[in-house]
């Protein structure tokens, strides 16, 4: 598991162009391990598992995160955004700098995921976008 964390931090270090350490989200269609961490994907088929890892360079003080998955579509009344899924996440002792899990979406479209800290729920820790296609 330490090897996975080290690989994730190396990816985030080399793929970010700014000097500020920010949290990041990586998606994959397979469970995330040290071997497939480089296979970051943004297009997924409908009804498949979408695995993700949230990497945080700084420890979150409250140990609680809040996740939102939002669909961008002009069919919805509130400026084209529809809140699809929310989740409260409690970080375990071994997960103070990362969290990994999966979710399933059954509608195609453009989505984005946002992660907030319970310490400061108005500031986005990490945000990433992805597509679900038929």
C-alpha atoms as a PDB file:
ATOM      1  CA  UNK A   1       0.000   0.000   0.000  1.00  0.00           C
ATOM      2  CA  UNK A   2       2.935   2.341   0.670  1.00  0.00           C
ATOM      3  CA  UNK A   3       4.122   1.690  -2.860  1.00  0.00           C
ATOM      4  CA  UNK A   4       0.715   2.770  -4.217  1.00  0.00           C
ATOM      5  CA  UNK A   5       0.822   6.006  -2.225  1.00  0.00           C
ATOM      6  CA  UNK A   6       4.362   6.757  -3.429  1.00  0.00           C
ATOM      7  CA  UNK A   7       3.383   6.176  -7.063  1.00  0.00           C
ATOM      8  CA  UNK A   8       0.304   8.405  -6.691  1.00  0.00           C
ATOM      9  CA  UNK A   9       2.355  11.237  -5.228  1.00  0.00           C
ATOM     10  CA  UNK A  10       4.918  10.932  -8.033  1.00  0.00           C
ATOM     11  CA  UNK A  11       2.162  11.154 -10.644  1.00  0.00           C
ATOM     12  CA  UNK A  12       0.674  14.232  -9.046  1.00  0.00           C
ATOM     13  CA  UNK A  13       4.113  15.819  -8.655  1.00  0.00           C
ATOM     14  CA  UNK A  14       5.034  15.392 -12.311  1.00  0.00           C
ATOM     15  CA  UNK A  15       1.626  16.189 -13.808  1.00  0.00           C
ATOM     16  CA  UNK A  16       0.941  19.460 -12.012  1.00  0.00           C
ATOM     17  CA  UNK A  17       2.415  22.672 -13.317  1.00  0.00           C
ATOM     18  CA  UNK A  18       1.891  24.844 -10.260  1.00  0.00           C
ATOM     19  CA  UNK A  19       3.880  25.026  -7.068  1.00  0.00           C
ATOM     20  CA  UNK A  20       0.823  24.809  -4.790  1.00  0.00           C
ATOM     21  CA  UNK A  21       0.145  21.332  -3.462  1.00  0.00           C
ATOM     22  CA  UNK A  22      -3.478  20.493  -4.242  1.00  0.00           C
ATOM     23  CA  UNK A  23      -5.570  17.387  -3.964  1.00  0.00           C
ATOM     24  CA  UNK A  24      -6.289  15.400  -7.110  1.00  0.00           C
ATOM     25  CA  UNK A  25      -8.670  12.750  -8.444  1.00  0.00           C
ATOM     26  CA  UNK A  26      -7.726   9.922 -10.805  1.00  0.00           C
ATOM     27  CA  UNK A  27     -10.266   7.615 -12.491  1.00  0.00           C
ATOM     28  CA  UNK A  28      -9.888   4.084 -13.833  1.00  0.00           C
ATOM     29  CA  UNK A  29     -12.155   1.272 -15.010  1.00  0.00           C
ATOM     30  CA  UNK A  30     -10.230  -1.290 -12.927  1.00  0.00           C
ATOM     31  CA  UNK A  31      -9.533  -1.272  -9.167  1.00  0.00           C
ATOM     32  CA  UNK A  32      -6.657   1.129  -8.603  1.00  0.00           C
ATOM     33  CA  UNK A  33      -3.319  -0.474  -7.759  1.00  0.00           C
ATOM     34  CA  UNK A  34       0.328   0.527  -8.119  1.00  0.00           C
ATOM     35  CA  UNK A  35       0.470  -1.238 -11.504  1.00  0.00           C
ATOM     36  CA  UNK A  36      -2.456   0.541 -13.176  1.00  0.00           C
ATOM     37  CA  UNK A  37      -2.267   3.976 -11.551  1.00  0.00           C
ATOM     38  CA  UNK A  38      -0.881   5.396 -14.824  1.00  0.00           C
ATOM     39  CA  UNK A  39      -3.994   4.294 -16.764  1.00  0.00           C
ATOM     40  CA  UNK A  40      -6.049   7.375 -15.919  1.00  0.00           C
ATOM     41  CA  UNK A  41      -9.258   7.344 -17.970  1.00  0.00           C
ATOM     42  CA  UNK A  42     -12.060   9.856 -18.467  1.00  0.00           C
ATOM     43  CA  UNK A  43     -14.549   7.951 -20.680  1.00  0.00           C
ATOM     44  CA  UNK A  44     -16.563   5.051 -19.251  1.00  0.00           C
ATOM     45  CA  UNK A  45     -19.421   2.855 -20.550  1.00  0.00           C
ATOM     46  CA  UNK A  46     -22.893   3.128 -19.021  1.00  0.00           C
ATOM     47  CA  UNK A  47     -23.427   0.821 -16.033  1.00  0.00           C
ATOM     48  CA  UNK A  48     -19.761   0.052 -15.425  1.00  0.00           C
ATOM     49  CA  UNK A  49     -17.833   0.576 -12.229  1.00  0.00           C
ATOM     50  CA  UNK A  50     -15.833   3.808 -12.156  1.00  0.00           C
ATOM     51  CA  UNK A  51     -12.957   3.473  -9.709  1.00  0.00           C
ATOM     52  CA  UNK A  52     -11.351   6.596  -8.337  1.00  0.00           C
ATOM     53  CA  UNK A  53      -8.618   7.667  -5.964  1.00  0.00           C
ATOM     54  CA  UNK A  54      -8.516  11.020  -4.181  1.00  0.00           C
ATOM     55  CA  UNK A  55      -4.996  12.032  -3.191  1.00  0.00           C
ATOM     56  CA  UNK A  56      -4.464  14.798  -0.638  1.00  0.00           C
ATOM     57  CA  UNK A  57      -0.951  16.167  -0.059  1.00  0.00           C
ATOM     58  CA  UNK A  58      -2.026  17.744   3.245  1.00  0.00           C
ATOM     59  CA  UNK A  59      -3.793  15.895   6.021  1.00  0.00           C
ATOM     60  CA  UNK A  60      -7.471  16.788   6.436  1.00  0.00           C
ATOM     61  CA  UNK A  61      -7.971  17.739  10.061  1.00  0.00           C
ATOM     62  CA  UNK A  62     -11.552  16.538  10.548  1.00  0.00           C
ATOM     63  CA  UNK A  63     -10.926  13.202   8.758  1.00  0.00           C
ATOM     64  CA  UNK A  64     -14.265  13.615   6.940  1.00  0.00           C
ATOM     65  CA  UNK A  65     -14.728  14.360   3.247  1.00  0.00           C
ATOM     66  CA  UNK A  66     -17.829  15.188   1.264  1.00  0.00           C
ATOM     67  CA  UNK A  67     -18.120  13.943  -2.339  1.00  0.00           C
ATOM     68  CA  UNK A  68     -20.494  15.258  -5.021  1.00  0.00           C
ATOM     69  CA  UNK A  69     -21.114  13.896  -8.515  1.00  0.00           C
ATOM     70  CA  UNK A  70     -22.873  16.425 -10.736  1.00  0.00           C
ATOM     71  CA  UNK A  71     -24.209  15.954 -14.284  1.00  0.00           C
ATOM     72  CA  UNK A  72     -23.989  18.888 -16.700  1.00  0.00           C
ATOM     73  CA  UNK A  73     -26.966  18.851 -19.068  1.00  0.00           C
ATOM     74  CA  UNK A  74     -29.286  21.468 -20.534  1.00  0.00           C
ATOM     75  CA  UNK A  75     -32.378  19.357 -19.719  1.00  0.00           C
ATOM     76  CA  UNK A  76     -32.297  20.363 -16.063  1.00  0.00           C
ATOM     77  CA  UNK A  77     -33.751  23.570 -14.691  1.00  0.00           C
ATOM     78  CA  UNK A  78     -31.032  24.743 -12.342  1.00  0.00           C
ATOM     79  CA  UNK A  79     -28.628  26.220 -14.885  1.00  0.00           C
ATOM     80  CA  UNK A  80     -28.076  22.814 -16.469  1.00  0.00           C
ATOM     81  CA  UNK A  81     -26.664  21.038 -13.391  1.00  0.00           C
ATOM     82  CA  UNK A  82     -28.168  17.970 -11.726  1.00  0.00           C
ATOM     83  CA  UNK A  83     -26.798  16.610  -8.450  1.00  0.00           C
ATOM     84  CA  UNK A  84     -26.554  12.864  -9.085  1.00  0.00           C
ATOM     85  CA  UNK A  85     -24.824  11.486  -6.014  1.00  0.00           C
ATOM     86  CA  UNK A  86     -23.439  12.708  -2.685  1.00  0.00           C
ATOM     87  CA  UNK A  87     -21.503  10.860  -0.057  1.00  0.00           C
ATOM     88  CA  UNK A  88     -19.899  11.506   3.303  1.00  0.00           C
ATOM     89  CA  UNK A  89     -16.527   9.795   3.612  1.00  0.00           C
ATOM     90  CA  UNK A  90     -14.722   9.032   6.847  1.00  0.00           C
ATOM     91  CA  UNK A  91     -10.986   8.580   6.390  1.00  0.00           C
ATOM     92  CA  UNK A  92      -9.464   5.659   8.270  1.00  0.00           C
ATOM     93  CA  UNK A  93      -6.087   5.749  10.021  1.00  0.00           C
ATOM     94  CA  UNK A  94      -4.270   4.318   6.988  1.00  0.00           C
ATOM     95  CA  UNK A  95      -6.096   6.704   4.611  1.00  0.00           C
ATOM     96  CA  UNK A  96      -5.071  10.121   5.915  1.00  0.00           C
ATOM     97  CA  UNK A  97      -3.640  11.130   2.515  1.00  0.00           C
ATOM     98  CA  UNK A  98      -5.811   9.199   0.062  1.00  0.00           C
ATOM     99  CA  UNK A  99      -9.188   7.551  -0.424  1.00  0.00           C
ATOM    100  CA  UNK A 100     -10.221   5.032  -3.070  1.00  0.00           C
ATOM    101  CA  UNK A 101     -13.624   3.571  -3.947  1.00  0.00           C
ATOM    102  CA  UNK A 102     -15.971   3.179  -6.929  1.00  0.00           C
ATOM    103  CA  UNK A 103     -19.430   4.198  -8.130  1.00  0.00           C
ATOM    104  CA  UNK A 104     -21.766   3.237 -10.996  1.00  0.00           C
ATOM    105  CA  UNK A 105     -23.701   5.628 -13.270  1.00  0.00           C
ATOM    106  CA  UNK A 106     -26.536   4.437 -15.498  1.00  0.00           C
ATOM    107  CA  UNK A 107     -27.027   7.541 -17.686  1.00  0.00           C
ATOM    108  CA  UNK A 108     -24.679   8.782 -20.368  1.00  0.00           C
ATOM    109  CA  UNK A 109     -23.419  12.353 -20.288  1.00  0.00           C
ATOM    110  CA  UNK A 110     -20.804  14.757 -18.978  1.00  0.00           C
ATOM    111  CA  UNK A 111     -20.146  14.541 -15.229  1.00  0.00           C
ATOM    112  CA  UNK A 112     -17.784  16.088 -12.750  1.00  0.00           C
ATOM    113  CA  UNK A 113     -16.794  15.054  -9.260  1.00  0.00           C
ATOM    114  CA  UNK A 114     -15.972  17.461  -6.455  1.00  0.00           C
ATOM    115  CA  UNK A 115     -14.420  16.690  -3.092  1.00  0.00           C
ATOM    116  CA  UNK A 116     -14.863  18.989  -0.097  1.00  0.00           C
ATOM    117  CA  UNK A 117     -13.465  18.843   3.410  1.00  0.00           C
ATOM    118  CA  UNK A 118     -15.854  18.938   6.351  1.00  0.00           C
ATOM    119  CA  UNK A 119     -13.454  21.514   7.863  1.00  0.00           C
ATOM    120  CA  UNK A 120     -14.202  24.014   5.111  1.00  0.00           C
ATOM    121  CA  UNK A 121     -17.225  22.870   3.062  1.00  0.00           C
ATOM    122  CA  UNK A 122     -17.168  25.965   0.821  1.00  0.00           C
ATOM    123  CA  UNK A 123     -13.701  25.310  -0.602  1.00  0.00           C
ATOM    124  CA  UNK A 124     -13.284  22.593  -3.229  1.00  0.00           C
ATOM    125  CA  UNK A 125     -10.340  20.309  -2.390  1.00  0.00           C
ATOM    126  CA  UNK A 126     -10.342  18.503  -5.735  1.00  0.00           C
ATOM    127  CA  UNK A 127     -12.405  18.456  -8.899  1.00  0.00           C
ATOM    128  CA  UNK A 128     -12.273  16.229 -11.978  1.00  0.00           C
ATOM    129  CA  UNK A 129     -14.486  15.649 -15.000  1.00  0.00           C
ATOM    130  CA  UNK A 130     -15.370  12.490 -16.918  1.00  0.00           C
ATOM    131  CA  UNK A 131     -17.815  11.156 -19.502  1.00  0.00           C
ATOM    132  CA  UNK A 132     -20.187   8.210 -19.473  1.00  0.00           C
ATOM    133  CA  UNK A 133     -21.103   6.980 -22.952  1.00  0.00           C
ATOM    134  CA  UNK A 134     -23.358   4.278 -24.407  1.00  0.00           C
END
